[in-house]
Protein backbone atom coordinates (compact mmCIF):
# COMPACT_ATOMS: atom_id res chain seq x y z
CA UNK A 1 10.54 -11.99 -7.38
CA UNK A 2 11.95 -14.07 -4.54
CA UNK A 3 11.68 -17.82 -4.90
CA UNK A 4 10.72 -20.15 -2.10
CA UNK A 5 12.61 -23.10 -3.66
CA UNK A 6 15.40 -23.97 -1.19
CA UNK A 7 17.52 -25.39 -4.00
CA UNK A 8 17.47 -22.01 -5.73
CA UNK A 9 18.70 -20.36 -2.57
CA UNK A 10 21.72 -22.66 -2.56
CA UNK A 11 22.93 -21.82 -6.05
CA UNK A 12 26.14 -19.82 -6.29
CA UNK A 13 26.11 -16.67 -8.42
CA UNK A 14 27.68 -17.29 -11.83
CA UNK A 15 30.52 -14.87 -11.08
CA UNK A 16 31.45 -16.79 -7.91
CA UNK A 17 31.42 -20.09 -9.79
CA UNK A 18 33.70 -18.61 -12.44
CA UNK A 19 36.18 -17.35 -9.84
CA UNK A 20 36.24 -20.76 -8.12
CA UNK A 21 36.91 -22.63 -11.38
CA UNK A 22 39.59 -20.16 -12.41
CA UNK A 23 41.36 -20.49 -9.06
CA UNK A 24 41.25 -24.29 -9.33
CA UNK A 25 42.76 -24.20 -12.82
CA UNK A 26 45.59 -21.99 -11.66
CA UNK A 27 46.34 -24.31 -8.78
CA UNK A 28 46.65 -27.24 -11.22
CA UNK A 29 48.85 -25.56 -13.85
CA UNK A 30 50.74 -23.22 -11.52
CA UNK A 31 49.72 -20.05 -13.33
CA UNK A 32 49.56 -16.57 -11.83
CA UNK A 33 46.31 -14.67 -12.07
CA UNK A 34 45.12 -11.13 -11.64
CA UNK A 35 41.87 -11.40 -9.72
CA UNK A 36 41.25 -7.68 -9.47
CA UNK A 37 38.10 -7.88 -11.56
CA UNK A 38 36.61 -10.63 -9.41
CA UNK A 39 37.58 -8.75 -6.25
CA UNK A 40 35.90 -5.66 -7.58
CA UNK A 41 32.79 -7.70 -8.30
CA UNK A 42 32.77 -9.10 -4.78
CA UNK A 43 33.19 -5.59 -3.37
CA UNK A 44 30.24 -4.36 -5.44
CA UNK A 45 28.06 -7.15 -4.09
CA UNK A 46 29.13 -6.47 -0.51
CA UNK A 47 28.21 -2.80 -0.89
CA UNK A 48 24.58 -3.65 -1.55
CA UNK A 49 22.33 -2.78 1.38
CA UNK A 50 20.25 -5.73 2.55
CA UNK A 51 16.69 -4.65 3.28
CA UNK A 52 13.57 -6.54 4.34
CA UNK A 53 10.44 -5.06 2.79
CA UNK A 54 7.16 -6.39 4.17
CA UNK A 55 4.06 -6.88 2.04
CA UNK A 56 0.59 -8.29 2.65
CA UNK A 57 -0.47 -9.10 -0.92
CA UNK A 58 -2.80 -6.15 -1.48
CA UNK A 59 -4.09 -4.69 -4.71
CA UNK A 60 -2.73 -1.27 -3.78
CA UNK A 61 0.80 -2.58 -3.07
CA UNK A 62 1.50 -2.60 -6.82
CA UNK A 63 4.29 -0.01 -6.55
CA UNK A 64 6.17 -2.34 -4.22
CA UNK A 65 5.94 -5.24 -6.64
CA UNK A 66 6.96 -3.03 -9.56
CA UNK A 67 10.02 -1.77 -7.64
CA UNK A 68 11.15 -5.38 -7.25
CA UNK A 69 10.30 -6.73 -10.70
CA UNK A 70 11.52 -3.67 -12.64
CA UNK A 71 14.79 -3.48 -10.76
CA UNK A 72 14.24 -0.16 -8.98
CA UNK A 73 15.52 -1.57 -5.69
CA UNK A 74 18.68 -2.83 -7.41
CA UNK A 75 19.20 0.53 -9.10
CA UNK A 76 19.43 2.03 -5.62
CA UNK A 77 22.01 -0.55 -4.57
CA UNK A 78 19.55 -2.54 -2.46
CA UNK A 79 19.43 -6.29 -1.96
CA UNK A 80 15.75 -6.59 -1.05
CA UNK A 81 13.97 -9.54 0.49
CA UNK A 82 10.20 -9.25 0.13
CA UNK A 83 8.55 -10.87 3.15
CA UNK A 84 4.84 -11.62 3.21
CA UNK A 85 3.02 -10.90 6.48
CA UNK A 86 -0.37 -9.85 7.86
CA UNK A 87 -1.58 -6.55 9.32
CA UNK A 88 -0.54 -7.19 12.90
CA UNK A 89 2.77 -8.63 11.74
CA UNK A 90 3.39 -5.58 9.55
CA UNK A 91 2.79 -3.06 12.32
CA UNK A 92 4.70 -4.96 14.99
CA UNK A 93 7.47 -6.05 12.62
CA UNK A 94 8.20 -2.47 11.55
CA UNK A 95 8.08 -1.21 15.12
CA UNK A 96 10.42 -3.91 16.41
CA UNK A 97 12.79 -3.74 13.45
CA UNK A 98 11.99 -7.18 12.00
CA UNK A 99 11.05 -5.38 8.78
CA UNK A 100 12.79 -2.32 7.40
CA UNK A 101 10.19 -0.76 5.12
CA UNK A 102 6.73 -0.91 3.57
CA UNK A 103 4.05 1.53 2.49
CA UNK A 104 0.68 1.64 4.17
CA UNK A 105 -2.15 3.92 5.30
CA UNK A 106 -1.27 7.10 7.17
CA UNK A 107 -4.39 6.90 9.35
CA UNK A 108 -3.52 3.31 10.24
CA UNK A 109 -0.12 4.46 11.52
CA UNK A 110 -0.91 7.63 13.47
CA UNK A 111 -2.56 6.05 16.52
CA UNK A 112 0.24 3.48 16.96
CA UNK A 113 2.84 6.25 16.52
CA UNK A 114 1.00 8.27 19.17
CA UNK A 115 1.37 5.23 21.43
CA UNK A 116 5.09 4.91 20.76
CA UNK A 117 5.47 2.78 17.61
CA UNK A 118 9.01 3.40 16.35
CA UNK A 119 8.42 4.08 12.65
CA UNK A 120 8.79 7.07 10.34
CA UNK A 121 6.73 8.16 7.32
CA UNK A 122 8.99 9.29 4.47
CA UNK A 123 6.94 9.93 1.32
CA UNK A 124 3.52 9.68 -0.33
CA UNK A 125 2.49 6.88 -2.71
CA UNK A 126 -1.20 7.13 -3.63
CA UNK A 127 -4.64 8.40 -2.64
CA UNK A 128 -8.20 7.24 -3.05
CA UNK A 129 -8.68 3.96 -1.12
CA UNK A 130 -11.75 4.72 0.97
CA UNK A 131 -15.53 5.13 0.41
CA UNK A 132 -18.79 5.60 2.28
CA UNK A 133 -21.74 4.18 0.35
CA UNK A 134 -25.44 3.57 0.72
CA UNK A 135 -28.10 1.64 -1.20
CA UNK A 136 -29.33 2.91 -4.53
CA UNK A 137 -32.86 3.48 -3.18
CA UNK A 138 -31.78 4.95 0.14
CA UNK A 139 -32.97 8.37 1.28
CA UNK A 140 -29.41 9.10 2.47
CA UNK A 141 -28.03 11.61 -0.02
CA UNK A 142 -25.19 13.32 1.84
CA UNK A 143 -23.05 12.63 4.89
CA UNK A 144 -25.29 14.73 7.16
CA UNK A 145 -28.12 12.25 6.49
CA UNK A 146 -26.16 9.54 8.35
CA UNK A 147 -27.17 10.88 11.75
CA UNK A 148 -28.88 8.10 13.71
CA UNK A 149 -28.07 5.50 11.04
CA UNK A 150 -26.24 2.17 11.17
CA UNK A 151 -22.95 2.06 9.31
CA UNK A 152 -21.31 -1.22 8.34
CA UNK A 153 -17.52 -1.37 8.71
CA UNK A 154 -15.00 -4.24 8.44
CA UNK A 155 -13.68 -3.68 12.00
CA UNK A 156 -13.53 -0.95 14.61
CA UNK A 157 -10.32 1.01 14.16
CA UNK A 158 -9.99 0.02 10.50
CA UNK A 159 -9.17 2.67 7.87
CA UNK A 160 -12.81 2.74 6.62
CA UNK A 161 -13.91 3.41 10.21
CA UNK A 162 -11.30 6.16 10.62
CA UNK A 163 -12.21 7.81 7.32
CA UNK A 164 -15.95 7.70 8.02
CA UNK A 165 -15.41 9.14 11.50
CA UNK A 166 -13.68 12.12 9.91
CA UNK A 167 -16.52 12.51 7.40
CA UNK A 168 -19.10 12.42 10.18
CA UNK A 169 -17.26 14.97 12.28
CA UNK A 170 -16.98 17.30 9.30
CA UNK A 171 -20.77 17.00 8.92
CA UNK A 172 -21.29 18.12 12.52
CA UNK A 173 -21.72 14.74 14.20
CA UNK A 174 -20.08 12.91 17.06
CA UNK A 175 -18.89 9.59 15.59
CA UNK A 176 -19.12 7.94 19.02
CA UNK A 177 -22.74 8.95 19.69
CA UNK A 178 -24.62 9.96 16.55
CA UNK A 179 -24.33 6.72 14.53
CA UNK A 180 -24.34 3.00 15.28
CA UNK A 181 -21.31 1.06 14.07
CA UNK A 182 -21.98 -2.48 12.86
CA UNK A 183 -19.22 -4.93 11.97
CA UNK A 184 -19.95 -6.41 8.55
CA UNK A 185 -17.69 -8.65 6.49
CA UNK A 186 -16.66 -6.83 3.32
CA UNK A 187 -17.90 -9.60 1.02
CA UNK A 188 -21.50 -9.29 2.31
CA UNK A 189 -21.84 -5.51 2.52
CA UNK A 190 -24.25 -5.36 -0.43
CA UNK A 191 -26.41 -8.06 1.17
CA UNK A 192 -26.37 -6.22 4.51
CA UNK A 193 -27.67 -3.11 2.75
CA UNK A 194 -30.35 -5.04 0.87
CA UNK A 195 -31.55 -6.79 4.04
CA UNK A 196 -31.68 -3.58 6.04
CA UNK A 197 -29.04 -4.73 8.49
CA UNK A 198 -27.21 -1.45 7.90
CA UNK A 199 -28.09 1.88 6.28
CA UNK A 200 -24.65 2.57 4.84
CA UNK A 201 -21.28 0.87 4.49
CA UNK A 202 -17.71 2.09 4.69
CA UNK A 203 -15.13 0.19 2.69
CA UNK A 204 -11.93 0.35 0.69
CA UNK A 205 -10.74 -0.61 -2.75
CA UNK A 206 -11.57 -2.82 -4.47
CA UNK A 207 -14.88 -3.36 -2.62
CA UNK A 208 -16.18 0.16 -3.26
CA UNK A 209 -15.61 -0.13 -6.99
CA UNK A 210 -17.09 -3.62 -7.13
CA UNK A 211 -20.32 -2.53 -5.44
CA UNK A 212 -20.60 0.56 -7.62
CA UNK A 213 -19.92 -1.45 -10.80
CA UNK A 214 -22.69 -3.86 -9.82
CA UNK A 215 -25.11 -0.96 -9.43
CA UNK A 216 -25.66 -1.89 -5.77
CA UNK A 217 -24.63 1.39 -4.11
CA UNK A 218 -24.43 5.13 -4.35
CA UNK A 219 -21.26 6.77 -3.02
CA UNK A 220 -21.79 9.65 -0.60
CA UNK A 221 -18.18 10.20 0.49
CA UNK A 222 -15.22 9.36 -1.72
CA UNK A 223 -11.63 9.85 -0.67
CA UNK A 224 -10.58 9.91 -4.32
CA UNK A 225 -12.69 12.91 -5.39
CA UNK A 226 -14.08 14.75 -2.35
CA UNK A 227 -12.50 17.75 -0.64
CA UNK A 228 -10.37 17.89 1.46
CA UNK A 229 -9.44 14.22 0.93
CA UNK A 230 -8.82 13.97 -2.81
CA UNK A 231 -5.31 15.43 -2.64
CA UNK A 232 -4.50 13.73 0.64
CA UNK A 233 -2.37 10.61 0.67
CA UNK A 234 -3.95 7.51 2.10
CA UNK A 235 -0.80 5.37 1.68
CA UNK A 236 2.77 6.45 2.35
CA UNK A 237 6.21 4.89 2.62
CA UNK A 238 7.16 3.91 6.16
CA UNK A 239 10.51 2.78 7.53
CA UNK A 240 11.48 1.19 10.82
CA UNK A 241 13.02 3.56 13.33
CA UNK A 242 15.79 1.04 13.94
CA UNK A 243 16.58 0.88 10.21
CA UNK A 244 16.79 4.68 9.98
CA UNK A 245 19.03 4.85 13.04
CA UNK A 246 21.60 2.43 11.61
CA UNK A 247 21.32 3.34 7.91
CA UNK A 248 19.61 6.64 6.98
CA UNK A 249 21.05 6.39 3.46
CA UNK A 250 19.44 2.96 3.06
CA UNK A 251 16.11 4.37 4.24
CA UNK A 252 16.36 7.05 1.54
CA UNK A 253 17.19 4.43 -1.09
CA UNK A 254 14.21 2.22 -0.32
CA UNK A 255 11.92 5.26 -0.21
CA UNK A 256 13.12 6.39 -3.64
CA UNK A 257 12.66 2.90 -5.12
CA UNK A 258 9.08 2.67 -3.83
CA UNK A 259 8.23 6.14 -5.09
CA UNK A 260 9.69 5.33 -8.51
CA UNK A 261 7.49 2.23 -8.46
CA UNK A 262 4.49 4.49 -7.78
CA UNK A 263 5.37 6.68 -10.76
CA UNK A 264 5.61 3.56 -12.95
CA UNK A 265 2.16 2.40 -11.78
CA UNK A 266 0.76 5.86 -12.53
CA UNK A 267 2.05 5.61 -16.10
CA UNK A 268 1.20 1.92 -16.57
CA UNK A 269 -1.74 0.88 -14.33
CA UNK A 270 -2.90 -2.06 -16.44
CA UNK A 271 0.63 -3.38 -16.86
CA UNK A 272 1.18 -3.02 -13.11
CA UNK A 273 -1.97 -5.05 -12.49
CA UNK A 274 -0.71 -7.76 -14.82
CA UNK A 275 2.74 -7.79 -13.22
CA UNK A 276 1.25 -8.13 -9.71
CA UNK A 277 -0.89 -11.11 -10.72
CA UNK A 278 1.52 -12.93 -13.03
CA UNK A 279 4.37 -12.61 -10.53
CA UNK A 280 2.09 -14.26 -7.92
CA UNK A 281 1.91 -11.35 -5.50
CA UNK A 282 -1.86 -10.99 -5.92
CA UNK A 283 -4.38 -13.84 -6.07
CA UNK A 284 -6.75 -12.32 -8.63
CA UNK A 285 -7.33 -12.07 -12.34
CA UNK A 286 -5.41 -9.46 -14.31
CA UNK A 287 -8.52 -7.64 -15.45
CA UNK A 288 -10.09 -7.45 -12.03
CA UNK A 289 -6.88 -6.30 -10.39
CA UNK A 290 -6.59 -3.61 -13.07
CA UNK A 291 -10.12 -2.44 -12.30
CA UNK A 292 -9.19 -1.90 -8.66
CA UNK A 293 -5.83 -0.24 -9.38
CA UNK A 294 -7.52 2.11 -11.84
CA UNK A 295 -9.57 3.64 -9.02
CA UNK A 296 -6.46 4.72 -7.11
CA UNK A 297 -4.35 7.79 -7.87
CA UNK A 298 -0.64 7.01 -7.71
CA UNK A 299 1.17 10.32 -7.22
CA UNK A 300 4.53 10.07 -5.44
CA UNK A 301 5.20 13.21 -3.44
CA UNK A 302 6.96 14.65 -0.40
CA UNK A 303 5.59 18.04 0.67
CA UNK A 304 1.99 17.04 0.05
CA UNK A 305 2.51 13.87 2.05
CA UNK A 306 3.81 15.85 5.01
CA UNK A 307 0.75 18.10 4.77
CA UNK A 308 -1.49 15.02 4.59
CA UNK A 309 -0.09 13.70 7.87
CA UNK A 310 -0.90 16.97 9.62
CA UNK A 311 -4.41 17.10 8.17
CA UNK A 312 -5.15 13.48 9.10
CA UNK A 313 -3.80 13.97 12.63
CA UNK A 314 -5.85 17.12 13.19
CA UNK A 315 -9.09 15.56 11.94
CA UNK A 316 -8.48 12.33 13.87
CA UNK A 317 -8.01 14.42 17.03
CA UNK A 318 -11.22 16.35 16.32
CA UNK A 319 -13.09 13.09 15.71
CA UNK A 320 -11.93 11.70 19.07
CA UNK A 321 -9.63 9.10 17.50
CA UNK A 322 -6.51 10.33 19.28
CA UNK A 323 -5.73 10.98 22.91
CA UNK A 324 -7.27 14.29 24.11
CA UNK A 325 -3.82 15.41 25.29
CA UNK A 326 -2.18 14.80 21.90
CA UNK A 327 -1.00 17.80 19.90
CA UNK A 328 -1.75 16.86 16.25
CA UNK A 329 1.03 19.10 14.92
CA UNK A 330 3.56 17.52 17.26
CA UNK A 331 2.36 14.03 16.34
CA UNK A 332 2.66 14.83 12.62
CA UNK A 333 6.17 16.17 13.18
CA UNK A 334 7.12 13.06 15.14
CA UNK A 335 5.68 10.78 12.44
CA UNK A 336 7.56 12.42 9.56
CA UNK A 337 11.19 12.05 8.50
CA UNK A 338 12.88 14.01 5.72
CA UNK A 339 15.58 12.04 3.90
CA UNK A 340 18.49 13.17 1.77
CA UNK A 341 17.75 12.78 -1.92
CA UNK A 342 14.00 12.36 -1.40
CA UNK A 343 12.30 15.53 -2.61
CA UNK A 344 9.64 16.80 -4.94
CA UNK A 345 12.42 18.14 -7.18
CA UNK A 346 13.85 14.63 -7.47
CA UNK A 347 10.38 13.22 -8.21
CA UNK A 348 9.85 15.87 -10.88
CA UNK A 349 12.88 14.55 -12.73
CA UNK A 350 11.84 10.90 -12.61
CA UNK A 351 11.62 9.18 -15.98
CA UNK A 352 9.91 5.82 -16.37
CA UNK A 353 8.90 3.76 -19.37
CA UNK A 354 5.41 3.74 -20.80
CA UNK A 355 4.32 0.33 -22.02
CA UNK A 356 1.73 -0.40 -24.68
CA UNK A 357 -0.72 -2.03 -22.27
CA UNK A 358 -2.43 1.07 -20.89
CA UNK A 359 -6.03 0.08 -20.34
CA UNK A 360 -7.83 -2.71 -18.59
CA UNK A 361 -10.14 -4.25 -21.12
CA UNK A 362 -12.81 -3.57 -23.71
CA UNK A 363 -15.35 -5.01 -21.31
CA UNK A 364 -17.38 -2.58 -19.24
CA UNK A 365 -16.62 -1.92 -15.58
CA UNK A 366 -20.10 -3.12 -14.70
CA UNK A 367 -19.44 -6.50 -16.29
CA UNK A 368 -16.05 -6.70 -14.60
CA UNK A 369 -17.57 -5.84 -11.23
CA UNK A 370 -20.20 -8.55 -11.55
CA UNK A 371 -17.57 -11.09 -12.61
CA UNK A 372 -15.30 -10.00 -9.76
CA UNK A 373 -18.07 -10.42 -7.18
CA UNK A 374 -19.01 -13.83 -8.55
CA UNK A 375 -15.43 -15.07 -8.35
CA UNK A 376 -15.01 -13.68 -4.84
CA UNK A 377 -18.17 -15.35 -3.60
CA UNK A 378 -17.08 -18.60 -5.23
CA UNK A 379 -13.80 -18.37 -3.31
CA UNK A 380 -11.73 -18.39 -6.49
CA UNK A 381 -9.73 -15.25 -5.79
CA UNK A 382 -8.53 -13.10 -2.95
CA UNK A 383 -7.92 -9.39 -3.29
CA UNK A 384 -7.63 -6.58 -0.86
CA UNK A 385 -6.45 -3.14 0.10
CA UNK A 386 -5.69 -1.63 3.53
CA UNK A 387 -6.99 -3.83 6.38
CA UNK A 388 -9.43 -5.93 4.37
CA UNK A 389 -9.06 -9.12 2.34
CA UNK A 390 -11.95 -11.05 0.88
CA UNK A 391 -12.28 -14.28 -1.00
CA UNK A 392 -9.95 -17.24 -0.77
CA UNK A 393 -7.45 -19.20 -2.71
């Protein structure tokens, strides 16, 4: 993990210190030295590709943190600087080349790509972020029952809004006319349901799991388990177009490191939750972060990711979320980039360790959800996925 201590940034690598001292000694005693080994070391360092990887500090960014802490970036010959940003900074930074890579939601990227954002999607990371839920006593049982109802969302244009629009369209509704959208802060969605301010809510992990664990909601559309969404990637690796143009091999390396991180999270979700918290990437408790990660399905993949982009583009066009003149197939083709050495065959051969810590806790999810909500409302923790963060430090 990168340190923010300026003194640490000024320290010379041990190898460089050794070379300097050796050179000084030779100057004093007049000896001759063979510095081939030190020159080879310097050459190895210079060959490392410097890459800026942006992160927001989200629960679902665990694969990114694992890639850094477990050395997967270094294995690919990358010298990575993890840079914390926000959602606008992430999108604009990737498009303008201030950041080289990240992974984020496909639906969040497609509209900006349609409008000219210079980024490329290169591989799938995980599925299952998004939910549509209603109160336990509600007469809304299926998506078709949402006609004429009020749906609470974090913001217009957010991934929960985009997902729900697709669900509504699939149920025969016009998302722009047949429901009323109400902006509701994610930390008060349960209260908004109880008070009748909204009839349903659309959210993302960990909020959906928290509300379900508290027994506050019933889920009527779930990206993790419902067709056709359950095998569709919500989050995928993305690289700056400028980065790809100058270093396609580097783009492949960072994609592979992130996908290896995703495989490690799949095998070790609880350990990944602990790593994210203890390395200070996530402001949460280990147990509660593990609860949220456990609801996601980390499944690095290439061909399925490419298919997911096409499906998302087509349904977004049908739901009126893209320009009427946009060809979804062309947009999906423009959004995607195949990279050398990044394939499903390569993923199939990936081997990662399995650690002993493979479950969250002996405590029930319901208890964890109640504890999580209490800590969020008290402002003790902050945790988030996709566009939404709740709580405070």
